[in-house]
Amino acid sequence: MQTAPALLGVVSDVQFTGEDINGTPLLAVDTPSGELLVPLAQDICRRVDVAAKRIEVVLPLGLRELNEKE
């Protein structure tokens, strides 16, 4: 059974890698519980609708917990 999509937050910044740093850009998302860094990877960001300003994501297990403040 699938659950309905929920609003995660608002993208406040995109952190790109530098010339000397390889990797996937990160979306900095402002959520009610603080900033969440989400890799801008095809496996996670399943649909990007620029016109609607919407990115549909499927977060890997544990990603939210990595960003939680203690």
PDB file of N, CA and C in Angstrom:
ATOM      1  N   MET A   1       0.833  -1.174   0.000  1.00  0.00           N
ATOM      2  CA  MET A   1       0.000   0.000   0.000  1.00  0.00           C
ATOM      3  C   MET A   1       0.884   1.246   0.000  1.00  0.00           C
ATOM      4  N   GLN A   2       0.633   2.163  -0.929  1.00  0.00           N
ATOM      5  CA  GLN A   2       1.402   3.387  -0.995  1.00  0.00           C
ATOM      6  C   GLN A   2       0.733   4.467  -0.171  1.00  0.00           C
ATOM      7  N   THR A   3       1.552   5.332   0.400  1.00  0.00           N
ATOM      8  CA  THR A   3       1.017   6.455   1.150  1.00  0.00           C
ATOM      9  C   THR A   3       1.001   7.687   0.256  1.00  0.00           C
ATOM     10  N   ALA A   4       0.146   8.606   0.570  1.00  0.00           N
ATOM     11  CA  ALA A   4       0.056   9.843  -0.201  1.00  0.00           C
ATOM     12  C   ALA A   4       1.313  10.672   0.026  1.00  0.00           C
ATOM     13  N   PRO A   5       1.729  11.429  -0.985  1.00  0.00           N
ATOM     14  CA  PRO A   5       2.903  12.287  -0.813  1.00  0.00           C
ATOM     15  C   PRO A   5       2.680  13.323   0.287  1.00  0.00           C
ATOM     16  N   ALA A   6       3.750  13.662   0.961  1.00  0.00           N
ATOM     17  CA  ALA A   6       3.689  14.671   2.018  1.00  0.00           C
ATOM     18  C   ALA A   6       4.710  15.754   1.711  1.00  0.00           C
ATOM     19  N   LEU A   7       4.418  16.965   2.117  1.00  0.00           N
ATOM     20  CA  LEU A   7       5.347  18.071   1.926  1.00  0.00           C
ATOM     21  C   LEU A   7       6.520  17.898   2.882  1.00  0.00           C
ATOM     22  N   LEU A   8       7.701  17.822   2.326  1.00  0.00           N
ATOM     23  CA  LEU A   8       8.913  17.646   3.129  1.00  0.00           C
ATOM     24  C   LEU A   8       9.435  18.994   3.614  1.00  0.00           C
ATOM     25  N   GLY A   9       9.436  19.974   2.715  1.00  0.00           N
ATOM     26  CA  GLY A   9       9.940  21.294   3.061  1.00  0.00           C
ATOM     27  C   GLY A   9      10.206  22.099   1.812  1.00  0.00           C
ATOM     28  N   VAL A  10      10.994  23.152   1.958  1.00  0.00           N
ATOM     29  CA  VAL A  10      11.302  24.061   0.865  1.00  0.00           C
ATOM     30  C   VAL A  10      12.808  24.065   0.629  1.00  0.00           C
ATOM     31  N   VAL A  11      13.203  23.907  -0.623  1.00  0.00           N
ATOM     32  CA  VAL A  11      14.628  23.935  -0.967  1.00  0.00           C
ATOM     33  C   VAL A  11      15.132  25.360  -0.780  1.00  0.00           C
ATOM     34  N   SER A  12      16.135  25.518   0.070  1.00  0.00           N
ATOM     35  CA  SER A  12      16.687  26.846   0.335  1.00  0.00           C
ATOM     36  C   SER A  12      18.018  27.072  -0.388  1.00  0.00           C
ATOM     37  N   ASP A  13      18.673  25.974  -0.796  1.00  0.00           N
ATOM     38  CA  ASP A  13      19.971  26.096  -1.442  1.00  0.00           C
ATOM     39  C   ASP A  13      20.317  24.784  -2.125  1.00  0.00           C
ATOM     40  N   VAL A  14      21.212  24.860  -3.098  1.00  0.00           N
ATOM     41  CA  VAL A  14      21.780  23.667  -3.721  1.00  0.00           C
ATOM     42  C   VAL A  14      23.286  23.757  -3.523  1.00  0.00           C
ATOM     43  N   GLN A  15      23.850  22.728  -2.902  1.00  0.00           N
ATOM     44  CA  GLN A  15      25.284  22.701  -2.628  1.00  0.00           C
ATOM     45  C   GLN A  15      25.965  21.849  -3.701  1.00  0.00           C
ATOM     46  N   PHE A  16      26.672  22.539  -4.596  1.00  0.00           N
ATOM     47  CA  PHE A  16      27.364  21.849  -5.676  1.00  0.00           C
ATOM     48  C   PHE A  16      28.756  21.446  -5.225  1.00  0.00           C
ATOM     49  N   THR A  17      29.283  20.403  -5.863  1.00  0.00           N
ATOM     50  CA  THR A  17      30.651  19.983  -5.567  1.00  0.00           C
ATOM     51  C   THR A  17      31.601  20.931  -6.275  1.00  0.00           C
ATOM     52  N   GLY A  18      32.809  21.017  -5.789  1.00  0.00           N
ATOM     53  CA  GLY A  18      33.809  21.890  -6.384  1.00  0.00           C
ATOM     54  C   GLY A  18      34.662  21.160  -7.396  1.00  0.00           C
ATOM     55  N   GLU A  19      35.632  21.864  -7.927  1.00  0.00           N
ATOM     56  CA  GLU A  19      36.520  21.262  -8.925  1.00  0.00           C
ATOM     57  C   GLU A  19      37.307  20.095  -8.356  1.00  0.00           C
ATOM     58  N   ASP A  20      37.706  20.195  -7.096  1.00  0.00           N
ATOM     59  CA  ASP A  20      38.519  19.154  -6.470  1.00  0.00           C
ATOM     60  C   ASP A  20      37.686  18.133  -5.711  1.00  0.00           C
ATOM     61  N   ILE A  21      36.358  18.314  -5.696  1.00  0.00           N
ATOM     62  CA  ILE A  21      35.493  17.437  -4.919  1.00  0.00           C
ATOM     63  C   ILE A  21      34.490  16.771  -5.851  1.00  0.00           C
ATOM     64  N   ASN A  22      34.521  15.444  -5.892  1.00  0.00           N
ATOM     65  CA  ASN A  22      33.547  14.698  -6.679  1.00  0.00           C
ATOM     66  C   ASN A  22      32.353  14.372  -5.814  1.00  0.00           C
ATOM     67  N   GLY A  23      31.220  14.183  -6.437  1.00  0.00           N
ATOM     68  CA  GLY A  23      30.051  13.781  -5.679  1.00  0.00           C
ATOM     69  C   GLY A  23      28.775  14.353  -6.252  1.00  0.00           C
ATOM     70  N   THR A  24      27.714  14.050  -5.583  1.00  0.00           N
ATOM     71  CA  THR A  24      26.389  14.470  -5.994  1.00  0.00           C
ATOM     72  C   THR A  24      26.029  15.783  -5.321  1.00  0.00           C
ATOM     73  N   PRO A  25      25.458  16.735  -6.064  1.00  0.00           N
ATOM     74  CA  PRO A  25      24.995  17.967  -5.418  1.00  0.00           C
ATOM     75  C   PRO A  25      23.952  17.640  -4.340  1.00  0.00           C
ATOM     76  N   LEU A  26      23.868  18.497  -3.339  1.00  0.00           N
ATOM     77  CA  LEU A  26      22.914  18.310  -2.242  1.00  0.00           C
ATOM     78  C   LEU A  26      21.885  19.429  -2.247  1.00  0.00           C
ATOM     79  N   LEU A  27      20.635  19.050  -2.025  1.00  0.00           N
ATOM     80  CA  LEU A  27      19.574  20.029  -1.828  1.00  0.00           C
ATOM     81  C   LEU A  27      19.488  20.320  -0.339  1.00  0.00           C
ATOM     82  N   ALA A  28      19.558  21.581   0.046  1.00  0.00           N
ATOM     83  CA  ALA A  28      19.343  21.977   1.438  1.00  0.00           C
ATOM     84  C   ALA A  28      17.861  22.295   1.559  1.00  0.00           C
ATOM     85  N   VAL A  29      17.150  21.466   2.317  1.00  0.00           N
ATOM     86  CA  VAL A  29      15.697  21.594   2.446  1.00  0.00           C
ATOM     87  C   VAL A  29      15.362  22.069   3.860  1.00  0.00           C
ATOM     88  N   ASP A  30      14.635  23.182   3.954  1.00  0.00           N
ATOM     89  CA  ASP A  30      14.153  23.664   5.250  1.00  0.00           C
ATOM     90  C   ASP A  30      12.903  22.890   5.606  1.00  0.00           C
ATOM     91  N   THR A  31      12.966  22.135   6.708  1.00  0.00           N
ATOM     92  CA  THR A  31      11.835  21.338   7.173  1.00  0.00           C
ATOM     93  C   THR A  31      11.420  21.848   8.549  1.00  0.00           C
ATOM     94  N   PRO A  32      10.252  21.437   9.040  1.00  0.00           N
ATOM     95  CA  PRO A  32       9.836  21.844  10.379  1.00  0.00           C
ATOM     96  C   PRO A  32      10.817  21.431  11.477  1.00  0.00           C
ATOM     97  N   SER A  33      11.584  20.355  11.246  1.00  0.00           N
ATOM     98  CA  SER A  33      12.532  19.900  12.262  1.00  0.00           C
ATOM     99  C   SER A  33      13.963  20.356  11.981  1.00  0.00           C
ATOM    100  N   GLY A  34      14.157  21.267  11.021  1.00  0.00           N
ATOM    101  CA  GLY A  34      15.489  21.781  10.713  1.00  0.00           C
ATOM    102  C   GLY A  34      15.892  21.471   9.288  1.00  0.00           C
ATOM    103  N   GLU A  35      17.132  21.816   8.967  1.00  0.00           N
ATOM    104  CA  GLU A  35      17.624  21.602   7.602  1.00  0.00           C
ATOM    105  C   GLU A  35      17.866  20.123   7.341  1.00  0.00           C
ATOM    106  N   LEU A  36      17.481  19.678   6.150  1.00  0.00           N
ATOM    107  CA  LEU A  36      17.694  18.305   5.713  1.00  0.00           C
ATOM    108  C   LEU A  36      18.467  18.361   4.408  1.00  0.00           C
ATOM    109  N   LEU A  37      19.588  17.658   4.332  1.00  0.00           N
ATOM    110  CA  LEU A  37      20.384  17.606   3.115  1.00  0.00           C
ATOM    111  C   LEU A  37      19.991  16.358   2.329  1.00  0.00           C
ATOM    112  N   VAL A  38      19.540  16.580   1.095  1.00  0.00           N
ATOM    113  CA  VAL A  38      19.051  15.493   0.253  1.00  0.00           C
ATOM    114  C   VAL A  38      19.908  15.437  -1.007  1.00  0.00           C
ATOM    115  N   PRO A  39      20.548  14.296  -1.277  1.00  0.00           N
ATOM    116  CA  PRO A  39      21.325  14.184  -2.508  1.00  0.00           C
ATOM    117  C   PRO A  39      20.435  14.365  -3.735  1.00  0.00           C
ATOM    118  N   LEU A  40      20.902  15.162  -4.675  1.00  0.00           N
ATOM    119  CA  LEU A  40      20.169  15.386  -5.920  1.00  0.00           C
ATOM    120  C   LEU A  40      20.536  14.258  -6.876  1.00  0.00           C
ATOM    121  N   ALA A  41      20.089  13.060  -6.528  1.00  0.00           N
ATOM    122  CA  ALA A  41      20.393  11.851  -7.290  1.00  0.00           C
ATOM    123  C   ALA A  41      19.098  11.292  -7.872  1.00  0.00           C
ATOM    124  N   GLN A  42      19.203  10.676  -9.032  1.00  0.00           N
ATOM    125  CA  GLN A  42      18.025  10.152  -9.725  1.00  0.00           C
ATOM    126  C   GLN A  42      17.278   9.113  -8.896  1.00  0.00           C
ATOM    127  N   ASP A  43      18.001   8.304  -8.121  1.00  0.00           N
ATOM    128  CA  ASP A  43      17.353   7.276  -7.295  1.00  0.00           C
ATOM    129  C   ASP A  43      16.528   7.890  -6.168  1.00  0.00           C
ATOM    130  N   ILE A  44      16.855   9.108  -5.753  1.00  0.00           N
ATOM    131  CA  ILE A  44      16.158   9.774  -4.651  1.00  0.00           C
ATOM    132  C   ILE A  44      15.166  10.805  -5.175  1.00  0.00           C
ATOM    133  N   CYS A  45      15.613  11.654  -6.079  1.00  0.00           N
ATOM    134  CA  CYS A  45      14.746  12.694  -6.673  1.00  0.00           C
ATOM    135  C   CYS A  45      14.103  12.097  -7.920  1.00  0.00           C
ATOM    136  N   ARG A  46      12.945  11.506  -7.731  1.00  0.00           N
ATOM    137  CA  ARG A  46      12.302  10.729  -8.789  1.00  0.00           C
ATOM    138  C   ARG A  46      11.682  11.582  -9.885  1.00  0.00           C
ATOM    139  N   ARG A  47      11.211  12.785  -9.530  1.00  0.00           N
ATOM    140  CA  ARG A  47      10.560  13.645 -10.520  1.00  0.00           C
ATOM    141  C   ARG A  47      10.854  15.098 -10.174  1.00  0.00           C
ATOM    142  N   VAL A  48      11.325  15.840 -11.168  1.00  0.00           N
ATOM    143  CA  VAL A  48      11.597  17.267 -10.994  1.00  0.00           C
ATOM    144  C   VAL A  48      10.683  18.019 -11.955  1.00  0.00           C
ATOM    145  N   ASP A  49       9.780  18.823 -11.412  1.00  0.00           N
ATOM    146  CA  ASP A  49       8.853  19.628 -12.206  1.00  0.00           C
ATOM    147  C   ASP A  49       9.223  21.088 -11.976  1.00  0.00           C
ATOM    148  N   VAL A  50      10.034  21.631 -12.889  1.00  0.00           N
ATOM    149  CA  VAL A  50      10.536  22.993 -12.733  1.00  0.00           C
ATOM    150  C   VAL A  50       9.395  23.996 -12.759  1.00  0.00           C
ATOM    151  N   ALA A  51       8.440  23.820 -13.682  1.00  0.00           N
ATOM    152  CA  ALA A  51       7.329  24.770 -13.813  1.00  0.00           C
ATOM    153  C   ALA A  51       6.501  24.844 -12.534  1.00  0.00           C
ATOM    154  N   ALA A  52       6.280  23.704 -11.890  1.00  0.00           N
ATOM    155  CA  ALA A  52       5.488  23.667 -10.657  1.00  0.00           C
ATOM    156  C   ALA A  52       6.337  23.917  -9.411  1.00  0.00           C
ATOM    157  N   LYS A  53       7.670  24.034  -9.595  1.00  0.00           N
ATOM    158  CA  LYS A  53       8.605  24.206  -8.476  1.00  0.00           C
ATOM    159  C   LYS A  53       8.426  23.079  -7.455  1.00  0.00           C
ATOM    160  N   ARG A  54       8.486  21.845  -7.968  1.00  0.00           N
ATOM    161  CA  ARG A  54       8.233  20.676  -7.127  1.00  0.00           C
ATOM    162  C   ARG A  54       9.232  19.572  -7.464  1.00  0.00           C
ATOM    163  N   ILE A  55       9.769  18.954  -6.430  1.00  0.00           N
ATOM    164  CA  ILE A  55      10.651  17.805  -6.587  1.00  0.00           C
ATOM    165  C   ILE A  55      10.069  16.674  -5.752  1.00  0.00           C
ATOM    166  N   GLU A  56       9.778  15.558  -6.393  1.00  0.00           N
ATOM    167  CA  GLU A  56       9.260  14.398  -5.668  1.00  0.00           C
ATOM    168  C   GLU A  56      10.433  13.497  -5.310  1.00  0.00           C
ATOM    169  N   VAL A  57      10.557  13.206  -4.019  1.00  0.00           N
ATOM    170  CA  VAL A  57      11.684  12.408  -3.546  1.00  0.00           C
ATOM    171  C   VAL A  57      11.205  11.152  -2.830  1.00  0.00           C
ATOM    172  N   VAL A  58      12.057  10.142  -2.871  1.00  0.00           N
ATOM    173  CA  VAL A  58      11.881   8.934  -2.073  1.00  0.00           C
ATOM    174  C   VAL A  58      13.145   8.839  -1.225  1.00  0.00           C
ATOM    175  N   LEU A  59      13.006   9.150   0.059  1.00  0.00           N
ATOM    176  CA  LEU A  59      14.172   9.198   0.943  1.00  0.00           C
ATOM    177  C   LEU A  59      14.597   7.793   1.365  1.00  0.00           C
ATOM    178  N   PRO A  60      15.900   7.528   1.332  1.00  0.00           N
ATOM    179  CA  PRO A  60      16.394   6.248   1.849  1.00  0.00           C
ATOM    180  C   PRO A  60      16.157   6.184   3.362  1.00  0.00           C
ATOM    181  N   LEU A  61      15.989   4.989   3.861  1.00  0.00           N
ATOM    182  CA  LEU A  61      15.807   4.803   5.298  1.00  0.00           C
ATOM    183  C   LEU A  61      16.981   5.404   6.054  1.00  0.00           C
ATOM    184  N   GLY A  62      16.701   6.162   7.078  1.00  0.00           N
ATOM    185  CA  GLY A  62      17.735   6.720   7.932  1.00  0.00           C
ATOM    186  C   GLY A  62      18.229   8.092   7.527  1.00  0.00           C
ATOM    187  N   LEU A  63      17.857   8.594   6.350  1.00  0.00           N
ATOM    188  CA  LEU A  63      18.367   9.884   5.914  1.00  0.00           C
ATOM    189  C   LEU A  63      17.890  11.029   6.814  1.00  0.00           C
ATOM    190  N   ARG A  64      16.642  11.014   7.178  1.00  0.00           N
ATOM    191  CA  ARG A  64      16.122  12.066   8.068  1.00  0.00           C
ATOM    192  C   ARG A  64      16.848  12.066   9.405  1.00  0.00           C
ATOM    193  N   GLU A  65      17.112  10.892   9.938  1.00  0.00           N
ATOM    194  CA  GLU A  65      17.752  10.767  11.250  1.00  0.00           C
ATOM    195  C   GLU A  65      19.187  11.280  11.211  1.00  0.00           C
ATOM    196  N   LEU A  66      19.877  11.192  10.082  1.00  0.00           N
ATOM    197  CA  LEU A  66      21.245  11.687   9.972  1.00  0.00           C
ATOM    198  C   LEU A  66      21.319  13.186  10.188  1.00  0.00           C
ATOM    199  N   ASN A  67      20.256  13.889   9.853  1.00  0.00           N
ATOM    200  CA  ASN A  67      20.248  15.331   9.924  1.00  0.00           C
ATOM    201  C   ASN A  67      19.582  15.892  11.181  1.00  0.00           C
ATOM    202  N   GLU A  68      19.024  15.023  12.013  1.00  0.00           N
ATOM    203  CA  GLU A  68      18.331  15.493  13.220  1.00  0.00           C
ATOM    204  C   GLU A  68      19.325  16.003  14.257  1.00  0.00           C
ATOM    205  N   LYS A  69      18.936  17.075  14.922  1.00  0.00           N
ATOM    206  CA  LYS A  69      19.756  17.600  16.009  1.00  0.00           C
ATOM    207  C   LYS A  69      19.411  16.847  17.280  1.00  0.00           C
ATOM    208  N   GLU A  70      20.422  16.584  18.069  1.00  0.00           N
ATOM    209  CA  GLU A  70      20.186  15.851  19.324  1.00  0.00           C
ATOM    210  C   GLU A  70      19.743  16.757  20.423  1.00  0.00           C
TER     211      GLU A  70
END
